[in-house]
Amino acid sequence: QLQASGGGLVQAGGSLRLSCVASGILFSLNDMAWYRQAPGKQREWVASISITGHTDYADSVKERATVSRDNAKNTIYLQMNSLKPEDTAVYYCNGLYGDYSWGQGTLVTVSS
């Protein structure tokens, strides 16, 4: 199970820290990722972190996002700064290849 939280309504230029707790998987042995799905659009990859801590980011969030993980807590985080209205979406975490059942996600709404 993948339970994301931390979303909300924020003004453009603001920040949010999203969390996602994983259960029922060997979290420390999985490369993990954040994805998002904006209204009317397909789900897209946002950022990922490997089991060794290597990170990658989509161009759309590069320089504004930081992904991290705490294996002791089976949790992955996404710090988003300088939020833009186009960041409005439901954010999900999953394995790097979408290996697991998608959770409910957490809604981020950025107002202009």
N, C-alpha and C. Protein backbone atom coordinates (compact mmCIF):
# COMPACT_ATOMS: atom_id res chain seq x y z
N GLN A 1 0.84 -1.18 0.00
CA GLN A 1 0.00 0.00 0.00
C GLN A 1 0.89 1.25 0.00
N LEU A 2 0.45 2.25 -0.76
CA LEU A 2 1.22 3.49 -0.89
C LEU A 2 0.30 4.63 -0.51
N GLN A 3 0.60 5.31 0.58
CA GLN A 3 -0.27 6.35 1.11
C GLN A 3 0.43 7.69 1.05
N ALA A 4 -0.01 8.53 0.13
CA ALA A 4 0.58 9.86 -0.02
C ALA A 4 -0.21 10.88 0.80
N SER A 5 0.49 11.89 1.28
CA SER A 5 -0.14 12.96 2.04
C SER A 5 0.67 14.24 1.90
N GLY A 6 0.11 15.32 2.41
CA GLY A 6 0.83 16.58 2.42
C GLY A 6 0.36 17.58 1.39
N GLY A 7 -0.56 17.19 0.54
CA GLY A 7 -1.06 18.11 -0.46
C GLY A 7 -1.96 19.18 0.15
N GLY A 8 -2.37 20.11 -0.68
CA GLY A 8 -3.25 21.17 -0.21
C GLY A 8 -3.32 22.29 -1.20
N LEU A 9 -3.92 23.37 -0.77
CA LEU A 9 -4.04 24.57 -1.59
C LEU A 9 -2.94 25.54 -1.21
N VAL A 10 -2.19 25.98 -2.20
CA VAL A 10 -1.09 26.89 -1.95
C VAL A 10 -1.04 27.93 -3.05
N GLN A 11 -0.59 29.11 -2.71
CA GLN A 11 -0.46 30.17 -3.72
C GLN A 11 0.80 29.96 -4.56
N ALA A 12 0.76 30.44 -5.76
CA ALA A 12 1.93 30.37 -6.62
C ALA A 12 3.13 30.97 -5.91
N GLY A 13 4.26 30.29 -6.03
CA GLY A 13 5.46 30.72 -5.34
C GLY A 13 5.66 30.05 -4.00
N GLY A 14 4.64 29.37 -3.52
CA GLY A 14 4.72 28.70 -2.23
C GLY A 14 5.41 27.35 -2.30
N SER A 15 5.40 26.66 -1.17
CA SER A 15 6.08 25.37 -1.06
C SER A 15 5.19 24.35 -0.38
N LEU A 16 5.47 23.10 -0.68
CA LEU A 16 4.81 21.98 -0.01
C LEU A 16 5.79 20.84 0.13
N ARG A 17 5.59 20.05 1.16
CA ARG A 17 6.37 18.83 1.33
C ARG A 17 5.41 17.65 1.34
N LEU A 18 5.53 16.82 0.35
CA LEU A 18 4.68 15.63 0.25
C LEU A 18 5.39 14.44 0.85
N SER A 19 4.61 13.55 1.44
CA SER A 19 5.14 12.32 2.01
C SER A 19 4.37 11.14 1.45
N CYS A 20 5.02 10.01 1.40
CA CYS A 20 4.35 8.79 0.96
C CYS A 20 4.91 7.63 1.75
N VAL A 21 4.04 6.99 2.51
CA VAL A 21 4.44 5.84 3.31
C VAL A 21 4.09 4.56 2.57
N ALA A 22 5.05 3.68 2.48
CA ALA A 22 4.84 2.40 1.80
C ALA A 22 4.72 1.28 2.82
N SER A 23 3.81 0.40 2.59
CA SER A 23 3.67 -0.78 3.44
C SER A 23 3.46 -2.00 2.55
N GLY A 24 3.90 -3.13 3.03
CA GLY A 24 3.72 -4.36 2.28
C GLY A 24 4.71 -4.58 1.16
N ILE A 25 5.73 -3.72 1.09
CA ILE A 25 6.78 -3.90 0.08
C ILE A 25 8.13 -3.80 0.77
N LEU A 26 9.15 -4.33 0.13
CA LEU A 26 10.51 -4.19 0.65
C LEU A 26 11.04 -2.83 0.21
N PHE A 27 10.63 -1.81 0.95
CA PHE A 27 10.87 -0.43 0.54
C PHE A 27 12.34 -0.15 0.27
N SER A 28 13.21 -0.59 1.16
CA SER A 28 14.63 -0.25 1.03
C SER A 28 15.27 -0.90 -0.20
N LEU A 29 14.60 -1.86 -0.80
CA LEU A 29 15.13 -2.55 -1.98
C LEU A 29 14.49 -2.06 -3.27
N ASN A 30 13.72 -1.00 -3.17
CA ASN A 30 13.02 -0.47 -4.34
C ASN A 30 13.48 0.93 -4.71
N ASP A 31 13.78 1.13 -5.99
CA ASP A 31 13.86 2.48 -6.50
C ASP A 31 12.44 3.04 -6.48
N MET A 32 12.30 4.26 -5.99
CA MET A 32 10.96 4.83 -5.81
C MET A 32 10.82 6.12 -6.63
N ALA A 33 9.58 6.49 -6.88
CA ALA A 33 9.35 7.67 -7.71
C ALA A 33 8.06 8.37 -7.30
N TRP A 34 8.02 9.64 -7.68
CA TRP A 34 6.79 10.44 -7.59
C TRP A 34 6.25 10.63 -9.00
N TYR A 35 4.94 10.60 -9.08
CA TYR A 35 4.24 10.85 -10.32
C TYR A 35 3.12 11.86 -10.03
N ARG A 36 2.58 12.44 -11.08
CA ARG A 36 1.43 13.32 -10.89
C ARG A 36 0.51 13.22 -12.10
N GLN A 37 -0.75 13.52 -11.83
CA GLN A 37 -1.74 13.53 -12.89
C GLN A 37 -2.58 14.78 -12.77
N ALA A 38 -2.43 15.64 -13.75
CA ALA A 38 -3.20 16.88 -13.79
C ALA A 38 -4.57 16.60 -14.40
N PRO A 39 -5.54 17.45 -14.11
CA PRO A 39 -6.89 17.25 -14.66
C PRO A 39 -6.86 17.14 -16.18
N GLY A 40 -7.44 16.08 -16.70
CA GLY A 40 -7.52 15.90 -18.14
C GLY A 40 -6.25 15.43 -18.81
N LYS A 41 -5.24 15.12 -18.03
CA LYS A 41 -3.96 14.70 -18.61
C LYS A 41 -3.56 13.32 -18.10
N GLN A 42 -2.60 12.73 -18.78
CA GLN A 42 -2.10 11.44 -18.35
C GLN A 42 -1.14 11.60 -17.18
N ARG A 43 -1.01 10.54 -16.42
CA ARG A 43 -0.06 10.53 -15.32
C ARG A 43 1.35 10.67 -15.87
N GLU A 44 2.17 11.46 -15.19
CA GLU A 44 3.54 11.67 -15.64
C GLU A 44 4.51 11.49 -14.48
N TRP A 45 5.70 11.09 -14.83
CA TRP A 45 6.77 10.94 -13.85
C TRP A 45 7.29 12.31 -13.44
N VAL A 46 7.56 12.48 -12.16
CA VAL A 46 8.05 13.76 -11.64
C VAL A 46 9.48 13.66 -11.16
N ALA A 47 9.75 12.65 -10.34
CA ALA A 47 11.09 12.53 -9.75
C ALA A 47 11.27 11.10 -9.26
N SER A 48 12.51 10.70 -9.13
CA SER A 48 12.78 9.36 -8.63
C SER A 48 14.03 9.35 -7.78
N ILE A 49 14.12 8.35 -6.92
CA ILE A 49 15.28 8.17 -6.06
C ILE A 49 15.59 6.69 -6.00
N SER A 50 16.84 6.37 -6.24
CA SER A 50 17.23 4.97 -6.27
C SER A 50 17.51 4.46 -4.85
N ILE A 51 17.78 3.18 -4.75
CA ILE A 51 18.09 2.60 -3.45
C ILE A 51 19.42 3.16 -2.92
N THR A 52 20.25 3.69 -3.81
CA THR A 52 21.53 4.26 -3.38
C THR A 52 21.43 5.77 -3.14
N GLY A 53 20.23 6.32 -3.39
CA GLY A 53 20.04 7.75 -3.16
C GLY A 53 20.23 8.63 -4.38
N HIS A 54 20.47 8.02 -5.53
CA HIS A 54 20.59 8.81 -6.75
C HIS A 54 19.22 9.35 -7.14
N THR A 55 19.19 10.63 -7.49
CA THR A 55 17.91 11.28 -7.81
C THR A 55 17.87 11.76 -9.26
N ASP A 56 16.68 11.78 -9.80
CA ASP A 56 16.42 12.31 -11.14
C ASP A 56 15.12 13.10 -11.10
N TYR A 57 15.04 14.10 -11.97
CA TYR A 57 13.86 14.97 -11.97
C TYR A 57 13.40 15.24 -13.39
N ALA A 58 12.09 15.37 -13.54
CA ALA A 58 11.56 15.83 -14.81
C ALA A 58 11.98 17.28 -15.02
N ASP A 59 12.15 17.65 -16.27
CA ASP A 59 12.58 19.02 -16.58
C ASP A 59 11.62 20.05 -15.99
N SER A 60 10.34 19.69 -15.92
CA SER A 60 9.33 20.64 -15.46
C SER A 60 9.47 21.00 -13.99
N VAL A 61 10.16 20.19 -13.21
CA VAL A 61 10.30 20.47 -11.78
C VAL A 61 11.76 20.61 -11.35
N LYS A 62 12.67 20.38 -12.28
CA LYS A 62 14.09 20.46 -11.94
C LYS A 62 14.39 21.82 -11.34
N GLU A 63 15.24 21.87 -10.36
CA GLU A 63 15.63 23.10 -9.64
C GLU A 63 14.57 23.56 -8.65
N ARG A 64 13.38 22.96 -8.69
CA ARG A 64 12.32 23.35 -7.76
C ARG A 64 11.92 22.22 -6.83
N ALA A 65 12.37 21.02 -7.13
CA ALA A 65 11.93 19.85 -6.37
C ALA A 65 13.12 19.11 -5.78
N THR A 66 12.89 18.51 -4.63
CA THR A 66 13.89 17.64 -4.01
C THR A 66 13.20 16.39 -3.51
N VAL A 67 13.65 15.24 -4.00
CA VAL A 67 13.10 13.96 -3.56
C VAL A 67 14.09 13.34 -2.57
N SER A 68 13.55 12.72 -1.54
CA SER A 68 14.39 12.07 -0.54
C SER A 68 13.64 10.86 0.01
N ARG A 69 14.35 10.06 0.78
CA ARG A 69 13.71 8.87 1.33
C ARG A 69 14.27 8.59 2.72
N ASP A 70 13.45 7.95 3.53
CA ASP A 70 13.85 7.50 4.86
C ASP A 70 13.48 6.03 4.94
N ASN A 71 14.46 5.18 4.74
CA ASN A 71 14.18 3.74 4.71
C ASN A 71 13.69 3.23 6.06
N ALA A 72 14.12 3.86 7.14
CA ALA A 72 13.67 3.43 8.46
C ALA A 72 12.18 3.65 8.66
N LYS A 73 11.66 4.63 7.91
CA LYS A 73 10.23 4.95 8.02
C LYS A 73 9.43 4.49 6.80
N ASN A 74 10.10 3.80 5.88
CA ASN A 74 9.42 3.37 4.65
C ASN A 74 8.72 4.53 3.97
N THR A 75 9.39 5.66 3.92
CA THR A 75 8.76 6.89 3.44
C THR A 75 9.62 7.58 2.40
N ILE A 76 8.94 8.09 1.38
CA ILE A 76 9.58 8.92 0.37
C ILE A 76 8.96 10.30 0.46
N TYR A 77 9.77 11.33 0.24
CA TYR A 77 9.32 12.71 0.35
C TYR A 77 9.54 13.45 -0.96
N LEU A 78 8.74 14.48 -1.17
CA LEU A 78 8.95 15.39 -2.29
C LEU A 78 8.76 16.81 -1.79
N GLN A 79 9.84 17.56 -1.75
CA GLN A 79 9.79 18.98 -1.40
C GLN A 79 9.64 19.76 -2.70
N MET A 80 8.58 20.52 -2.79
CA MET A 80 8.33 21.33 -3.99
C MET A 80 8.34 22.80 -3.59
N ASN A 81 9.18 23.58 -4.26
CA ASN A 81 9.28 25.02 -4.01
C ASN A 81 8.89 25.79 -5.26
N SER A 82 8.68 27.07 -5.08
CA SER A 82 8.33 27.95 -6.21
C SER A 82 7.21 27.33 -7.04
N LEU A 83 6.17 26.90 -6.36
CA LEU A 83 5.09 26.20 -7.04
C LEU A 83 4.39 27.09 -8.06
N LYS A 84 3.98 26.45 -9.15
CA LYS A 84 3.31 27.15 -10.24
C LYS A 84 1.91 26.54 -10.44
N PRO A 85 1.00 27.30 -11.01
CA PRO A 85 -0.34 26.75 -11.26
C PRO A 85 -0.29 25.44 -12.06
N GLU A 86 0.67 25.31 -12.94
CA GLU A 86 0.77 24.08 -13.74
C GLU A 86 1.25 22.88 -12.93
N ASP A 87 1.62 23.09 -11.68
CA ASP A 87 1.96 21.98 -10.79
C ASP A 87 0.69 21.36 -10.18
N THR A 88 -0.45 21.98 -10.39
CA THR A 88 -1.70 21.45 -9.87
C THR A 88 -1.96 20.06 -10.42
N ALA A 89 -2.10 19.09 -9.51
CA ALA A 89 -2.28 17.69 -9.91
C ALA A 89 -2.47 16.84 -8.66
N VAL A 90 -2.86 15.61 -8.90
CA VAL A 90 -2.82 14.61 -7.83
C VAL A 90 -1.46 13.94 -7.90
N TYR A 91 -0.77 13.91 -6.79
CA TYR A 91 0.58 13.37 -6.73
C TYR A 91 0.54 11.98 -6.09
N TYR A 92 1.27 11.08 -6.71
CA TYR A 92 1.34 9.68 -6.26
C TYR A 92 2.80 9.26 -6.11
N CYS A 93 3.03 8.28 -5.26
CA CYS A 93 4.33 7.62 -5.27
C CYS A 93 4.13 6.17 -5.71
N ASN A 94 5.19 5.59 -6.19
CA ASN A 94 5.16 4.18 -6.60
C ASN A 94 6.59 3.74 -6.82
N GLY A 95 6.76 2.48 -7.12
CA GLY A 95 8.05 2.02 -7.56
C GLY A 95 8.42 2.72 -8.86
N LEU A 96 9.69 2.67 -9.21
CA LEU A 96 10.16 3.43 -10.37
C LEU A 96 9.40 3.07 -11.65
N TYR A 97 8.95 1.84 -11.76
CA TYR A 97 8.25 1.41 -12.96
C TYR A 97 6.76 1.22 -12.70
N GLY A 98 6.25 1.87 -11.67
CA GLY A 98 4.83 1.73 -11.36
C GLY A 98 4.49 0.30 -10.98
N ASP A 99 5.38 -0.29 -10.20
CA ASP A 99 5.29 -1.71 -9.93
C ASP A 99 4.10 -2.12 -9.07
N TYR A 100 3.59 -1.19 -8.30
CA TYR A 100 2.61 -1.54 -7.28
C TYR A 100 1.28 -0.86 -7.53
N SER A 101 0.28 -1.28 -6.80
CA SER A 101 -1.04 -0.68 -6.93
C SER A 101 -0.97 0.81 -6.57
N TRP A 102 -1.63 1.63 -7.37
CA TRP A 102 -1.61 3.06 -7.12
C TRP A 102 -2.50 3.39 -5.93
N GLY A 103 -2.00 4.21 -5.06
CA GLY A 103 -2.80 4.67 -3.94
C GLY A 103 -3.72 5.80 -4.36
N GLN A 104 -4.29 6.46 -3.37
CA GLN A 104 -5.24 7.56 -3.63
C GLN A 104 -4.54 8.82 -4.11
N GLY A 105 -3.27 8.95 -3.77
CA GLY A 105 -2.58 10.18 -4.12
C GLY A 105 -2.96 11.32 -3.19
N THR A 106 -2.31 12.44 -3.39
CA THR A 106 -2.60 13.64 -2.61
C THR A 106 -2.73 14.82 -3.57
N LEU A 107 -3.77 15.60 -3.41
CA LEU A 107 -4.07 16.68 -4.34
C LEU A 107 -3.30 17.94 -3.97
N VAL A 108 -2.60 18.47 -4.94
CA VAL A 108 -1.92 19.75 -4.82
C VAL A 108 -2.61 20.74 -5.76
N THR A 109 -3.07 21.83 -5.20
CA THR A 109 -3.72 22.87 -5.99
C THR A 109 -2.95 24.16 -5.79
N VAL A 110 -2.45 24.72 -6.88
CA VAL A 110 -1.68 25.95 -6.83
C VAL A 110 -2.49 27.06 -7.48
N SER A 111 -2.80 28.07 -6.70
CA SER A 111 -3.59 29.18 -7.21
C SER A 111 -2.67 30.30 -7.70
N SER A 112 -3.14 30.97 -8.73
CA SER A 112 -2.32 32.04 -9.32
C SER A 112 -2.57 33.37 -8.62
